Amino acid sequence: MINDAGLNDVIEESEGLKGILTEYVGNKLNPKDGNVTIDMLVETMSSDFPELILVLAEENYIRGYQQALDDMQEILPAQKRKREKEFLTE
């Protein structure tokens, strides 16, 4: 998982799968400056392996909704208490 990374962040040289993917994307897109960015990696993966990107997008979508529901469970009771307090002080 990519943490705190922007789409234009350059991917540093690495070994293992990360190195293989970076080299593949670099060879396929042949960027002028020789740098491979996360955006390039996502673009290439979405065209070459759309099934993977779809699964990641679906998971992210579901997690986003779950986070919103969790947030609402915390926010609504606090808002209700605040309204009750305001009503009682009027």
PDB file of N, CA and C in Angstrom:
ATOM      1  N   MET A   1       0.845  -1.179   0.000  1.00  0.00           N
ATOM      2  CA  MET A   1       0.000   0.000   0.000  1.00  0.00           C
ATOM      3  C   MET A   1       0.886   1.235   0.000  1.00  0.00           C
ATOM      4  N   ILE A   2       0.491   2.244  -0.729  1.00  0.00           N
ATOM      5  CA  ILE A   2       1.245   3.478  -0.831  1.00  0.00           C
ATOM      6  C   ILE A   2       0.702   4.438   0.217  1.00  0.00           C
ATOM      7  N   ASN A   3       1.562   4.848   1.143  1.00  0.00           N
ATOM      8  CA  ASN A   3       1.148   5.749   2.211  1.00  0.00           C
ATOM      9  C   ASN A   3       1.719   7.135   1.980  1.00  0.00           C
ATOM     10  N   ASP A   4       0.883   8.146   2.154  1.00  0.00           N
ATOM     11  CA  ASP A   4       1.306   9.539   2.058  1.00  0.00           C
ATOM     12  C   ASP A   4       2.078   9.833   0.779  1.00  0.00           C
ATOM     13  N   ALA A   5       1.722   9.199  -0.300  1.00  0.00           N
ATOM     14  CA  ALA A   5       2.407   9.413  -1.559  1.00  0.00           C
ATOM     15  C   ALA A   5       1.498  10.171  -2.509  1.00  0.00           C
ATOM     16  N   GLY A   6       2.099  11.044  -3.283  1.00  0.00           N
ATOM     17  CA  GLY A   6       1.357  11.763  -4.302  1.00  0.00           C
ATOM     18  C   GLY A   6       1.554  11.090  -5.644  1.00  0.00           C
ATOM     19  N   LEU A   7       0.658  11.345  -6.553  1.00  0.00           N
ATOM     20  CA  LEU A   7       0.737  10.699  -7.860  1.00  0.00           C
ATOM     21  C   LEU A   7       1.980  11.098  -8.634  1.00  0.00           C
ATOM     22  N   ASN A   8       2.540  12.270  -8.341  1.00  0.00           N
ATOM     23  CA  ASN A   8       3.723  12.718  -9.062  1.00  0.00           C
ATOM     24  C   ASN A   8       5.029  12.391  -8.339  1.00  0.00           C
ATOM     25  N   ASP A   9       4.941  11.669  -7.221  1.00  0.00           N
ATOM     26  CA  ASP A   9       6.153  11.261  -6.522  1.00  0.00           C
ATOM     27  C   ASP A   9       6.919  10.263  -7.375  1.00  0.00           C
ATOM     28  N   VAL A  10       8.232  10.462  -7.435  1.00  0.00           N
ATOM     29  CA  VAL A  10       9.093   9.562  -8.202  1.00  0.00           C
ATOM     30  C   VAL A  10       9.335   8.304  -7.378  1.00  0.00           C
ATOM     31  N   ILE A  11       9.268   7.165  -8.031  1.00  0.00           N
ATOM     32  CA  ILE A  11       9.522   5.891  -7.368  1.00  0.00           C
ATOM     33  C   ILE A  11      11.022   5.635  -7.408  1.00  0.00           C
ATOM     34  N   GLU A  12      11.604   5.486  -6.239  1.00  0.00           N
ATOM     35  CA  GLU A  12      13.039   5.243  -6.141  1.00  0.00           C
ATOM     36  C   GLU A  12      13.364   3.826  -6.589  1.00  0.00           C
ATOM     37  N   GLU A  13      14.608   3.628  -7.017  1.00  0.00           N
ATOM     38  CA  GLU A  13      15.037   2.291  -7.419  1.00  0.00           C
ATOM     39  C   GLU A  13      14.895   1.342  -6.246  1.00  0.00           C
ATOM     40  N   SER A  14      14.486   0.134  -6.550  1.00  0.00           N
ATOM     41  CA  SER A  14      14.230  -0.847  -5.515  1.00  0.00           C
ATOM     42  C   SER A  14      14.418  -2.235  -6.083  1.00  0.00           C
ATOM     43  N   GLU A  15      14.402  -3.201  -5.191  1.00  0.00           N
ATOM     44  CA  GLU A  15      14.496  -4.597  -5.597  1.00  0.00           C
ATOM     45  C   GLU A  15      13.123  -5.245  -5.458  1.00  0.00           C
ATOM     46  N   GLY A  16      13.032  -6.476  -5.869  1.00  0.00           N
ATOM     47  CA  GLY A  16      11.797  -7.228  -5.722  1.00  0.00           C
ATOM     48  C   GLY A  16      10.733  -6.770  -6.690  1.00  0.00           C
ATOM     49  N   LEU A  17       9.486  -6.975  -6.299  1.00  0.00           N
ATOM     50  CA  LEU A  17       8.353  -6.648  -7.160  1.00  0.00           C
ATOM     51  C   LEU A  17       8.313  -5.163  -7.504  1.00  0.00           C
ATOM     52  N   LYS A  18       8.613  -4.316  -6.530  1.00  0.00           N
ATOM     53  CA  LYS A  18       8.609  -2.874  -6.771  1.00  0.00           C
ATOM     54  C   LYS A  18       9.607  -2.522  -7.873  1.00  0.00           C
ATOM     55  N   GLY A  19      10.773  -3.121  -7.828  1.00  0.00           N
ATOM     56  CA  GLY A  19      11.788  -2.881  -8.846  1.00  0.00           C
ATOM     57  C   GLY A  19      11.368  -3.388 -10.210  1.00  0.00           C
ATOM     58  N   ILE A  20      10.752  -4.561 -10.223  1.00  0.00           N
ATOM     59  CA  ILE A  20      10.277  -5.139 -11.480  1.00  0.00           C
ATOM     60  C   ILE A  20       9.211  -4.239 -12.110  1.00  0.00           C
ATOM     61  N   LEU A  21       8.240  -3.808 -11.297  1.00  0.00           N
ATOM     62  CA  LEU A  21       7.169  -2.942 -11.811  1.00  0.00           C
ATOM     63  C   LEU A  21       7.723  -1.603 -12.298  1.00  0.00           C
ATOM     64  N   THR A  22       8.627  -1.024 -11.535  1.00  0.00           N
ATOM     65  CA  THR A  22       9.205   0.261 -11.911  1.00  0.00           C
ATOM     66  C   THR A  22       9.962   0.137 -13.226  1.00  0.00           C
ATOM     67  N   GLU A  23      10.744  -0.924 -13.362  1.00  0.00           N
ATOM     68  CA  GLU A  23      11.495  -1.139 -14.601  1.00  0.00           C
ATOM     69  C   GLU A  23      10.550  -1.367 -15.776  1.00  0.00           C
ATOM     70  N   TYR A  24       9.498  -2.152 -15.567  1.00  0.00           N
ATOM     71  CA  TYR A  24       8.519  -2.416 -16.621  1.00  0.00           C
ATOM     72  C   TYR A  24       7.866  -1.127 -17.101  1.00  0.00           C
ATOM     73  N   VAL A  25       7.411  -0.315 -16.154  1.00  0.00           N
ATOM     74  CA  VAL A  25       6.752   0.944 -16.495  1.00  0.00           C
ATOM     75  C   VAL A  25       7.731   1.885 -17.190  1.00  0.00           C
ATOM     76  N   GLY A  26       8.948   1.946 -16.680  1.00  0.00           N
ATOM     77  CA  GLY A  26       9.963   2.797 -17.315  1.00  0.00           C
ATOM     78  C   GLY A  26      10.243   2.379 -18.744  1.00  0.00           C
ATOM     79  N   ASN A  27      10.349   1.079 -18.983  1.00  0.00           N
ATOM     80  CA  ASN A  27      10.587   0.580 -20.340  1.00  0.00           C
ATOM     81  C   ASN A  27       9.385   0.817 -21.245  1.00  0.00           C
ATOM     82  N   LYS A  28       8.189   0.674 -20.704  1.00  0.00           N
ATOM     83  CA  LYS A  28       6.977   0.833 -21.513  1.00  0.00           C
ATOM     84  C   LYS A  28       6.714   2.289 -21.873  1.00  0.00           C
ATOM     85  N   LEU A  29       6.830   3.190 -20.883  1.00  0.00           N
ATOM     86  CA  LEU A  29       6.498   4.600 -21.113  1.00  0.00           C
ATOM     87  C   LEU A  29       7.702   5.440 -21.538  1.00  0.00           C
ATOM     88  N   ASN A  30       8.897   4.970 -21.210  1.00  0.00           N
ATOM     89  CA  ASN A  30      10.137   5.653 -21.575  1.00  0.00           C
ATOM     90  C   ASN A  30      10.086   7.160 -21.284  1.00  0.00           C
ATOM     91  N   PRO A  31       9.955   7.546 -20.003  1.00  0.00           N
ATOM     92  CA  PRO A  31       9.872   8.970 -19.670  1.00  0.00           C
ATOM     93  C   PRO A  31      11.166   9.701 -20.029  1.00  0.00           C
ATOM     94  N   LYS A  32      11.032  10.954 -20.477  1.00  0.00           N
ATOM     95  CA  LYS A  32      12.192  11.742 -20.923  1.00  0.00           C
ATOM     96  C   LYS A  32      13.245  11.902 -19.832  1.00  0.00           C
ATOM     97  N   ASP A  33      12.781  12.132 -18.593  1.00  0.00           N
ATOM     98  CA  ASP A  33      13.726  12.337 -17.493  1.00  0.00           C
ATOM     99  C   ASP A  33      14.183  11.027 -16.851  1.00  0.00           C
ATOM    100  N   GLY A  34      13.628   9.925 -17.304  1.00  0.00           N
ATOM    101  CA  GLY A  34      14.015   8.623 -16.767  1.00  0.00           C
ATOM    102  C   GLY A  34      13.362   8.256 -15.448  1.00  0.00           C
ATOM    103  N   ASN A  35      12.562   9.158 -14.921  1.00  0.00           N
ATOM    104  CA  ASN A  35      11.901   8.907 -13.640  1.00  0.00           C
ATOM    105  C   ASN A  35      10.522   8.300 -13.849  1.00  0.00           C
ATOM    106  N   VAL A  36      10.193   7.326 -13.031  1.00  0.00           N
ATOM    107  CA  VAL A  36       8.871   6.705 -13.047  1.00  0.00           C
ATOM    108  C   VAL A  36       8.107   7.226 -11.839  1.00  0.00           C
ATOM    109  N   THR A  37       6.895   7.741 -12.083  1.00  0.00           N
ATOM    110  CA  THR A  37       6.071   8.264 -10.993  1.00  0.00           C
ATOM    111  C   THR A  37       4.966   7.270 -10.658  1.00  0.00           C
ATOM    112  N   ILE A  38       4.354   7.496  -9.531  1.00  0.00           N
ATOM    113  CA  ILE A  38       3.237   6.651  -9.113  1.00  0.00           C
ATOM    114  C   ILE A  38       2.098   6.765 -10.127  1.00  0.00           C
ATOM    115  N   ASP A  39       1.879   7.956 -10.649  1.00  0.00           N
ATOM    116  CA  ASP A  39       0.843   8.150 -11.661  1.00  0.00           C
ATOM    117  C   ASP A  39       1.109   7.259 -12.879  1.00  0.00           C
ATOM    118  N   MET A  40       2.346   7.192 -13.312  1.00  0.00           N
ATOM    119  CA  MET A  40       2.704   6.332 -14.441  1.00  0.00           C
ATOM    120  C   MET A  40       2.454   4.868 -14.119  1.00  0.00           C
ATOM    121  N   LEU A  41       2.789   4.478 -12.897  1.00  0.00           N
ATOM    122  CA  LEU A  41       2.574   3.100 -12.470  1.00  0.00           C
ATOM    123  C   LEU A  41       1.084   2.762 -12.469  1.00  0.00           C
ATOM    124  N   VAL A  42       0.256   3.651 -11.922  1.00  0.00           N
ATOM    125  CA  VAL A  42      -1.194   3.418 -11.879  1.00  0.00           C
ATOM    126  C   VAL A  42      -1.760   3.375 -13.296  1.00  0.00           C
ATOM    127  N   GLU A  43      -1.322   4.299 -14.146  1.00  0.00           N
ATOM    128  CA  GLU A  43      -1.790   4.331 -15.533  1.00  0.00           C
ATOM    129  C   GLU A  43      -1.466   3.022 -16.249  1.00  0.00           C
ATOM    130  N   THR A  44      -0.247   2.544 -16.087  1.00  0.00           N
ATOM    131  CA  THR A  44       0.171   1.310 -16.743  1.00  0.00           C
ATOM    132  C   THR A  44      -0.560   0.108 -16.174  1.00  0.00           C
ATOM    133  N   MET A  45      -0.681   0.054 -14.855  1.00  0.00           N
ATOM    134  CA  MET A  45      -1.384  -1.072 -14.239  1.00  0.00           C
ATOM    135  C   MET A  45      -2.852  -1.087 -14.651  1.00  0.00           C
ATOM    136  N   SER A  46      -3.466   0.083 -14.767  1.00  0.00           N
ATOM    137  CA  SER A  46      -4.886   0.106 -15.131  1.00  0.00           C
ATOM    138  C   SER A  46      -5.101  -0.329 -16.577  1.00  0.00           C
ATOM    139  N   SER A  47      -4.125  -0.103 -17.436  1.00  0.00           N
ATOM    140  CA  SER A  47      -4.294  -0.560 -18.822  1.00  0.00           C
ATOM    141  C   SER A  47      -3.877  -2.020 -18.988  1.00  0.00           C
ATOM    142  N   ASP A  48      -2.857  -2.460 -18.248  1.00  0.00           N
ATOM    143  CA  ASP A  48      -2.352  -3.828 -18.390  1.00  0.00           C
ATOM    144  C   ASP A  48      -3.026  -4.831 -17.456  1.00  0.00           C
ATOM    145  N   PHE A  49      -3.534  -4.345 -16.319  1.00  0.00           N
ATOM    146  CA  PHE A  49      -4.087  -5.249 -15.301  1.00  0.00           C
ATOM    147  C   PHE A  49      -5.306  -4.596 -14.666  1.00  0.00           C
ATOM    148  N   PRO A  50      -6.360  -4.319 -15.468  1.00  0.00           N
ATOM    149  CA  PRO A  50      -7.520  -3.588 -14.948  1.00  0.00           C
ATOM    150  C   PRO A  50      -8.253  -4.323 -13.831  1.00  0.00           C
ATOM    151  N   GLU A  51      -8.177  -5.652 -13.819  1.00  0.00           N
ATOM    152  CA  GLU A  51      -8.867  -6.409 -12.771  1.00  0.00           C
ATOM    153  C   GLU A  51      -8.326  -6.042 -11.387  1.00  0.00           C
ATOM    154  N   LEU A  52      -7.022  -5.845 -11.295  1.00  0.00           N
ATOM    155  CA  LEU A  52      -6.397  -5.482 -10.019  1.00  0.00           C
ATOM    156  C   LEU A  52      -6.853  -4.097  -9.577  1.00  0.00           C
ATOM    157  N   ILE A  53      -6.804  -3.150 -10.488  1.00  0.00           N
ATOM    158  CA  ILE A  53      -7.188  -1.779 -10.146  1.00  0.00           C
ATOM    159  C   ILE A  53      -8.658  -1.715  -9.755  1.00  0.00           C
ATOM    160  N   LEU A  54      -9.511  -2.483 -10.435  1.00  0.00           N
ATOM    161  CA  LEU A  54     -10.936  -2.510 -10.101  1.00  0.00           C
ATOM    162  C   LEU A  54     -11.151  -3.014  -8.678  1.00  0.00           C
ATOM    163  N   VAL A  55     -10.462  -4.086  -8.299  1.00  0.00           N
ATOM    164  CA  VAL A  55     -10.597  -4.631  -6.944  1.00  0.00           C
ATOM    165  C   VAL A  55     -10.121  -3.606  -5.911  1.00  0.00           C
ATOM    166  N   LEU A  56      -9.018  -2.940  -6.176  1.00  0.00           N
ATOM    167  CA  LEU A  56      -8.517  -1.922  -5.251  1.00  0.00           C
ATOM    168  C   LEU A  56      -9.491  -0.758  -5.140  1.00  0.00           C
ATOM    169  N   ALA A  57     -10.055  -0.342  -6.260  1.00  0.00           N
ATOM    170  CA  ALA A  57     -11.018   0.767  -6.243  1.00  0.00           C
ATOM    171  C   ALA A  57     -12.280   0.388  -5.471  1.00  0.00           C
ATOM    172  N   GLU A  58     -12.767  -0.828  -5.684  1.00  0.00           N
ATOM    173  CA  GLU A  58     -13.956  -1.279  -4.958  1.00  0.00           C
ATOM    174  C   GLU A  58     -13.690  -1.315  -3.460  1.00  0.00           C
ATOM    175  N   GLU A  59     -12.548  -1.833  -3.069  1.00  0.00           N
ATOM    176  CA  GLU A  59     -12.195  -1.909  -1.650  1.00  0.00           C
ATOM    177  C   GLU A  59     -12.105  -0.508  -1.044  1.00  0.00           C
ATOM    178  N   ASN A  60     -11.487   0.404  -1.764  1.00  0.00           N
ATOM    179  CA  ASN A  60     -11.356   1.775  -1.289  1.00  0.00           C
ATOM    180  C   ASN A  60     -12.729   2.433  -1.151  1.00  0.00           C
ATOM    181  N   TYR A  61     -13.612   2.185  -2.100  1.00  0.00           N
ATOM    182  CA  TYR A  61     -14.975   2.713  -2.076  1.00  0.00           C
ATOM    183  C   TYR A  61     -15.724   2.212  -0.846  1.00  0.00           C
ATOM    184  N   ILE A  62     -15.651   0.918  -0.604  1.00  0.00           N
ATOM    185  CA  ILE A  62     -16.337   0.319   0.550  1.00  0.00           C
ATOM    186  C   ILE A  62     -15.764   0.857   1.855  1.00  0.00           C
ATOM    187  N   ARG A  63     -14.443   0.936   1.933  1.00  0.00           N
ATOM    188  CA  ARG A  63     -13.814   1.471   3.153  1.00  0.00           C
ATOM    189  C   ARG A  63     -14.210   2.920   3.398  1.00  0.00           C
ATOM    190  N   GLY A  64     -14.349   3.691   2.337  1.00  0.00           N
ATOM    191  CA  GLY A  64     -14.763   5.081   2.473  1.00  0.00           C
ATOM    192  C   GLY A  64     -16.159   5.190   3.067  1.00  0.00           C
ATOM    193  N   TYR A  65     -17.076   4.377   2.568  1.00  0.00           N
ATOM    194  CA  TYR A  65     -18.430   4.380   3.120  1.00  0.00           C
ATOM    195  C   TYR A  65     -18.443   3.894   4.556  1.00  0.00           C
ATOM    196  N   GLN A  66     -17.666   2.875   4.859  1.00  0.00           N
ATOM    197  CA  GLN A  66     -17.613   2.381   6.237  1.00  0.00           C
ATOM    198  C   GLN A  66     -17.066   3.456   7.177  1.00  0.00           C
ATOM    199  N   GLN A  67     -16.057   4.173   6.722  1.00  0.00           N
ATOM    200  CA  GLN A  67     -15.493   5.246   7.538  1.00  0.00           C
ATOM    201  C   GLN A  67     -16.526   6.342   7.771  1.00  0.00           C
ATOM    202  N   ALA A  68     -17.302   6.671   6.738  1.00  0.00           N
ATOM    203  CA  ALA A  68     -18.352   7.692   6.887  1.00  0.00           C
ATOM    204  C   ALA A  68     -19.399   7.244   7.901  1.00  0.00           C
ATOM    205  N   LEU A  69     -19.796   5.973   7.834  1.00  0.00           N
ATOM    206  CA  LEU A  69     -20.778   5.463   8.807  1.00  0.00           C
ATOM    207  C   LEU A  69     -20.209   5.481  10.221  1.00  0.00           C
ATOM    208  N   ASP A  70     -18.960   5.093  10.377  1.00  0.00           N
ATOM    209  CA  ASP A  70     -18.321   5.129  11.694  1.00  0.00           C
ATOM    210  C   ASP A  70     -18.257   6.557  12.228  1.00  0.00           C
ATOM    211  N   ASP A  71     -17.910   7.499  11.354  1.00  0.00           N
ATOM    212  CA  ASP A  71     -17.843   8.906  11.763  1.00  0.00           C
ATOM    213  C   ASP A  71     -19.213   9.412  12.197  1.00  0.00           C
ATOM    214  N   MET A  72     -20.241   9.033  11.454  1.00  0.00           N
ATOM    215  CA  MET A  72     -21.595   9.483  11.790  1.00  0.00           C
ATOM    216  C   MET A  72     -22.048   8.935  13.147  1.00  0.00           C
ATOM    217  N   GLN A  73     -21.656   7.719  13.474  1.00  0.00           N
ATOM    218  CA  GLN A  73     -22.021   7.145  14.769  1.00  0.00           C
ATOM    219  C   GLN A  73     -21.396   7.938  15.914  1.00  0.00           C
ATOM    220  N   GLU A  74     -20.272   8.565  15.666  1.00  0.00           N
ATOM    221  CA  GLU A  74     -19.646   9.388  16.697  1.00  0.00           C
ATOM    222  C   GLU A  74     -20.203  10.811  16.696  1.00  0.00           C
ATOM    223  N   ILE A  75     -20.475  11.342  15.525  1.00  0.00           N
ATOM    224  CA  ILE A  75     -20.880  12.738  15.402  1.00  0.00           C
ATOM    225  C   ILE A  75     -22.332  12.959  15.813  1.00  0.00           C
ATOM    226  N   LEU A  76     -23.234  12.095  15.383  1.00  0.00           N
ATOM    227  CA  LEU A  76     -24.665  12.312  15.656  1.00  0.00           C
ATOM    228  C   LEU A  76     -24.995  12.400  17.140  1.00  0.00           C
ATOM    229  N   PRO A  77     -24.503  11.493  17.997  1.00  0.00           N
ATOM    230  CA  PRO A  77     -24.811  11.643  19.427  1.00  0.00           C
ATOM    231  C   PRO A  77     -24.267  12.946  20.016  1.00  0.00           C
ATOM    232  N   ALA A  78     -23.089  13.356  19.554  1.00  0.00           N
ATOM    233  CA  ALA A  78     -22.517  14.614  20.056  1.00  0.00           C
ATOM    234  C   ALA A  78     -23.371  15.801  19.616  1.00  0.00           C
ATOM    235  N   GLN A  79     -23.847  15.768  18.370  1.00  0.00           N
ATOM    236  CA  GLN A  79     -24.710  16.846  17.895  1.00  0.00           C
ATOM    237  C   GLN A  79     -26.038  16.860  18.646  1.00  0.00           C
ATOM    238  N   LYS A  80     -26.581  15.690  18.946  1.00  0.00           N
ATOM    239  CA  LYS A  80     -27.844  15.608  19.694  1.00  0.00           C
ATOM    240  C   LYS A  80     -27.659  16.202  21.091  1.00  0.00           C
ATOM    241  N   ARG A  81     -26.571  15.855  21.760  1.00  0.00           N
ATOM    242  CA  ARG A  81     -26.309  16.406  23.102  1.00  0.00           C
ATOM    243  C   ARG A  81     -26.160  17.922  23.041  1.00  0.00           C
ATOM    244  N   LYS A  82     -25.501  18.412  22.007  1.00  0.00           N
ATOM    245  CA  LYS A  82     -25.309  19.852  21.864  1.00  0.00           C
ATOM    246  C   LYS A  82     -26.653  20.551  21.666  1.00  0.00           C
ATOM    247  N   ARG A  83     -27.530  19.987  20.800  1.00  0.00           N
ATOM    248  CA  ARG A  83     -28.843  20.587  20.574  1.00  0.00           C
ATOM    249  C   ARG A  83     -29.681  20.563  21.854  1.00  0.00           C
ATOM    250  N   GLU A  84     -29.625  19.449  22.595  1.00  0.00           N
ATOM    251  CA  GLU A  84     -30.379  19.352  23.846  1.00  0.00           C
ATOM    252  C   GLU A  84     -29.894  20.393  24.858  1.00  0.00           C
ATOM    253  N   LYS A  85     -28.599  20.562  24.921  1.00  0.00           N
ATOM    254  CA  LYS A  85     -28.014  21.547  25.845  1.00  0.00           C
ATOM    255  C   LYS A  85     -28.454  22.956  25.439  1.00  0.00           C
ATOM    256  N   GLU A  86     -28.426  23.265  24.144  1.00  0.00           N
ATOM    257  CA  GLU A  86     -28.852  24.577  23.666  1.00  0.00           C
ATOM    258  C   GLU A  86     -30.331  24.803  23.948  1.00  0.00           C
ATOM    259  N   PHE A  87     -31.138  23.768  23.764  1.00  0.00           N
ATOM    260  CA  PHE A  87     -32.571  23.868  23.990  1.00  0.00           C
ATOM    261  C   PHE A  87     -32.857  24.152  25.486  1.00  0.00           C
ATOM    262  N   LEU A  88     -32.127  23.469  26.348  1.00  0.00           N
ATOM    263  CA  LEU A  88     -32.338  23.643  27.784  1.00  0.00           C
ATOM    264  C   LEU A  88     -31.873  24.995  28.285  1.00  0.00           C
ATOM    265  N   THR A  89     -30.921  25.607  27.610  1.00  0.00           N
ATOM    266  CA  THR A  89     -30.402  26.891  28.060  1.00  0.00           C
ATOM    267  C   THR A  89     -31.178  28.067  27.460  1.00  0.00           C
ATOM    268  N   GLU A  90     -32.091  27.817  26.547  1.00  0.00           N
ATOM    269  CA  GLU A  90     -32.862  28.908  25.948  1.00  0.00           C
ATOM    270  C   GLU A  90     -33.937  29.419  26.866  1.00  0.00           C
TER     271      GLU A  90
END
